[in-house]
């Protein structure tokens, strides 16, 4: 879940990974590839009139359709 003001203060979004839990909410045992202890970082850029979210680790770009960006 994102906070209401995500990407509005500085254009940076950090997404922390959490460890998976079983149906009783206990942490799963063993090696869990979804829990690497590393957060994923994204940053927002303006490309002409488009708003683009960039995944820092992969450099993958996502157009944010239906949005309006303003430079800080």
N, C-alpha and C. Protein backbone atom coordinates (compact mmCIF):
# COMPACT_ATOMS: atom_id res chain seq x y z
N UNK A 1 0.84 -1.17 0.00
CA UNK A 1 0.00 0.00 0.00
C UNK A 1 0.89 1.24 0.00
N UNK A 2 0.52 2.21 -0.80
CA UNK A 2 1.28 3.45 -0.88
C UNK A 2 0.66 4.51 0.02
N UNK A 3 1.49 5.38 0.52
CA UNK A 3 1.00 6.50 1.31
C UNK A 3 0.31 7.49 0.38
N UNK A 4 -0.59 8.30 0.94
CA UNK A 4 -1.34 9.27 0.14
C UNK A 4 -0.44 10.27 -0.58
N UNK A 5 0.69 10.60 0.02
CA UNK A 5 1.58 11.60 -0.58
C UNK A 5 2.79 10.99 -1.28
N UNK A 6 2.69 9.72 -1.67
CA UNK A 6 3.81 9.06 -2.37
C UNK A 6 4.16 9.83 -3.63
N UNK A 7 5.44 10.04 -3.84
CA UNK A 7 6.00 10.71 -5.01
C UNK A 7 5.67 12.20 -5.11
N UNK A 8 5.13 12.79 -4.06
CA UNK A 8 4.78 14.21 -4.14
C UNK A 8 5.82 15.12 -3.50
N UNK A 9 6.60 14.59 -2.57
CA UNK A 9 7.59 15.44 -1.88
C UNK A 9 8.92 15.49 -2.62
N UNK A 10 9.42 14.33 -3.05
CA UNK A 10 10.74 14.33 -3.68
C UNK A 10 10.83 13.47 -4.93
N UNK A 11 9.76 12.85 -5.37
CA UNK A 11 9.79 12.07 -6.60
C UNK A 11 10.48 10.73 -6.46
N UNK A 12 10.72 10.28 -5.23
CA UNK A 12 11.39 9.00 -4.99
C UNK A 12 10.43 8.08 -4.24
N UNK A 13 10.41 6.82 -4.65
CA UNK A 13 9.57 5.82 -4.00
C UNK A 13 10.43 4.62 -3.65
N UNK A 14 10.50 4.27 -2.36
CA UNK A 14 11.19 3.07 -1.91
C UNK A 14 10.13 2.05 -1.50
N UNK A 15 10.26 0.84 -2.04
CA UNK A 15 9.33 -0.23 -1.73
C UNK A 15 10.10 -1.31 -1.00
N UNK A 16 9.78 -1.49 0.27
CA UNK A 16 10.45 -2.51 1.07
C UNK A 16 9.80 -3.87 0.86
N UNK A 17 10.62 -4.89 0.81
CA UNK A 17 10.10 -6.26 0.70
C UNK A 17 9.84 -6.79 2.10
N UNK A 18 8.81 -7.57 2.22
CA UNK A 18 8.50 -8.19 3.50
C UNK A 18 8.56 -9.70 3.35
N UNK A 19 8.84 -10.37 4.44
CA UNK A 19 8.91 -11.82 4.41
C UNK A 19 7.51 -12.41 4.35
N UNK A 20 7.37 -13.46 3.59
CA UNK A 20 6.07 -14.13 3.49
C UNK A 20 5.71 -14.79 4.80
N UNK A 21 4.41 -14.87 5.03
CA UNK A 21 3.88 -15.49 6.25
C UNK A 21 2.89 -16.58 5.89
N UNK A 22 2.77 -17.54 6.78
CA UNK A 22 1.80 -18.61 6.55
C UNK A 22 0.41 -18.12 6.98
N UNK A 23 -0.63 -18.94 6.80
CA UNK A 23 -1.99 -18.50 7.14
C UNK A 23 -2.17 -18.09 8.61
N UNK A 24 -1.28 -18.55 9.50
CA UNK A 24 -1.40 -18.16 10.91
C UNK A 24 -0.52 -16.95 11.23
N UNK A 25 0.03 -16.31 10.19
CA UNK A 25 0.86 -15.11 10.29
C UNK A 25 2.26 -15.36 10.84
N UNK A 26 2.72 -16.62 10.87
CA UNK A 26 4.10 -16.91 11.26
C UNK A 26 4.99 -16.79 10.03
N UNK A 27 6.22 -16.31 10.23
CA UNK A 27 7.15 -16.20 9.11
C UNK A 27 7.46 -17.59 8.57
N UNK A 28 7.56 -17.69 7.24
CA UNK A 28 7.87 -18.98 6.63
C UNK A 28 9.33 -19.33 6.88
N UNK A 29 9.62 -20.60 6.97
CA UNK A 29 10.97 -21.08 7.22
C UNK A 29 11.72 -21.26 5.90
N UNK A 30 13.02 -21.32 5.98
CA UNK A 30 13.84 -21.63 4.82
C UNK A 30 14.13 -20.43 3.96
N UNK A 31 14.75 -20.71 2.85
CA UNK A 31 15.13 -19.63 1.93
C UNK A 31 13.91 -19.18 1.15
N UNK A 32 13.61 -17.92 1.26
CA UNK A 32 12.45 -17.35 0.59
C UNK A 32 12.95 -16.32 -0.41
N UNK A 33 12.87 -16.61 -1.72
CA UNK A 33 13.41 -15.68 -2.71
C UNK A 33 12.68 -14.35 -2.75
N UNK A 34 11.49 -14.25 -2.16
CA UNK A 34 10.78 -12.97 -2.17
C UNK A 34 11.29 -12.04 -1.07
N UNK A 35 12.13 -12.55 -0.18
CA UNK A 35 12.66 -11.73 0.90
C UNK A 35 14.16 -11.64 0.76
N UNK A 36 14.61 -10.58 0.15
CA UNK A 36 16.04 -10.42 -0.06
C UNK A 36 16.63 -9.34 0.81
N UNK A 37 15.79 -8.68 1.62
CA UNK A 37 16.27 -7.64 2.49
C UNK A 37 16.62 -6.35 1.77
N UNK A 38 16.31 -6.28 0.50
CA UNK A 38 16.65 -5.12 -0.30
C UNK A 38 15.37 -4.42 -0.73
N UNK A 39 15.32 -3.12 -0.53
CA UNK A 39 14.16 -2.39 -1.01
C UNK A 39 14.36 -2.04 -2.48
N UNK A 40 13.26 -1.88 -3.17
CA UNK A 40 13.30 -1.47 -4.57
C UNK A 40 13.08 0.03 -4.61
N UNK A 41 13.87 0.73 -5.39
CA UNK A 41 13.79 2.19 -5.47
C UNK A 41 13.32 2.60 -6.86
N UNK A 42 12.39 3.54 -6.89
CA UNK A 42 11.88 4.11 -8.12
C UNK A 42 12.02 5.62 -8.03
N UNK A 43 12.14 6.29 -9.17
CA UNK A 43 12.10 7.74 -9.17
C UNK A 43 11.25 8.22 -10.34
N UNK A 44 10.67 9.37 -10.14
CA UNK A 44 9.74 9.95 -11.10
C UNK A 44 10.47 10.98 -11.96
N UNK A 45 10.25 10.89 -13.28
CA UNK A 45 10.82 11.87 -14.19
C UNK A 45 9.71 12.41 -15.09
N UNK A 46 9.97 13.57 -15.64
CA UNK A 46 9.06 14.16 -16.60
C UNK A 46 9.74 14.12 -17.95
N UNK A 47 9.08 13.52 -18.93
CA UNK A 47 9.61 13.41 -20.29
C UNK A 47 8.64 14.13 -21.22
N UNK A 48 8.93 15.37 -21.49
CA UNK A 48 7.97 16.20 -22.23
C UNK A 48 6.75 16.42 -21.35
N UNK A 49 5.61 15.98 -21.81
CA UNK A 49 4.38 16.08 -21.02
C UNK A 49 4.08 14.79 -20.26
N UNK A 50 4.88 13.76 -20.47
CA UNK A 50 4.63 12.46 -19.84
C UNK A 50 5.28 12.36 -18.47
N UNK A 51 4.61 11.64 -17.56
CA UNK A 51 5.19 11.28 -16.26
C UNK A 51 5.67 9.84 -16.38
N UNK A 52 6.91 9.61 -15.99
CA UNK A 52 7.50 8.28 -16.15
C UNK A 52 8.11 7.85 -14.82
N UNK A 53 7.78 6.65 -14.38
CA UNK A 53 8.37 6.07 -13.18
C UNK A 53 9.49 5.14 -13.62
N UNK A 54 10.68 5.35 -13.05
CA UNK A 54 11.86 4.57 -13.44
C UNK A 54 12.28 3.67 -12.29
N UNK A 55 12.41 2.38 -12.56
CA UNK A 55 12.89 1.41 -11.57
C UNK A 55 14.41 1.47 -11.60
N UNK A 56 15.02 1.90 -10.52
CA UNK A 56 16.46 2.14 -10.50
C UNK A 56 17.30 0.89 -10.78
N UNK A 57 16.91 -0.25 -10.24
CA UNK A 57 17.73 -1.46 -10.40
C UNK A 57 17.72 -1.97 -11.84
N UNK A 58 16.56 -1.90 -12.50
CA UNK A 58 16.43 -2.47 -13.84
C UNK A 58 16.42 -1.42 -14.95
N UNK A 59 16.30 -0.15 -14.57
CA UNK A 59 16.17 0.96 -15.52
C UNK A 59 14.93 0.81 -16.41
N UNK A 60 13.97 0.07 -15.93
CA UNK A 60 12.71 -0.09 -16.67
C UNK A 60 11.86 1.16 -16.45
N UNK A 61 11.22 1.63 -17.52
CA UNK A 61 10.42 2.85 -17.48
C UNK A 61 8.94 2.50 -17.60
N UNK A 62 8.11 3.15 -16.77
CA UNK A 62 6.67 2.93 -16.77
C UNK A 62 5.97 4.28 -16.96
N UNK A 63 5.24 4.42 -18.07
CA UNK A 63 4.45 5.63 -18.27
C UNK A 63 3.28 5.63 -17.30
N UNK A 64 3.09 6.74 -16.62
CA UNK A 64 1.97 6.88 -15.68
C UNK A 64 0.84 7.60 -16.41
N UNK A 65 -0.04 6.82 -16.99
CA UNK A 65 -1.13 7.38 -17.79
C UNK A 65 -2.14 8.08 -16.90
N UNK A 66 -2.71 9.16 -17.39
CA UNK A 66 -3.73 9.88 -16.65
C UNK A 66 -3.19 10.68 -15.48
N UNK A 67 -1.90 11.02 -15.52
CA UNK A 67 -1.29 11.80 -14.44
C UNK A 67 -0.73 13.10 -14.98
N UNK A 68 -0.49 14.02 -14.09
CA UNK A 68 0.13 15.29 -14.44
C UNK A 68 1.35 15.45 -13.55
N UNK A 69 2.50 15.73 -14.17
CA UNK A 69 3.74 15.92 -13.41
C UNK A 69 4.12 17.39 -13.42
N UNK A 70 4.74 17.80 -12.34
CA UNK A 70 5.28 19.15 -12.24
C UNK A 70 6.69 19.04 -11.69
N UNK A 71 7.60 19.81 -12.25
CA UNK A 71 8.96 19.83 -11.76
C UNK A 71 9.02 20.47 -10.38
N UNK A 72 9.93 19.94 -9.54
CA UNK A 72 10.09 20.52 -8.20
C UNK A 72 10.91 21.78 -8.24
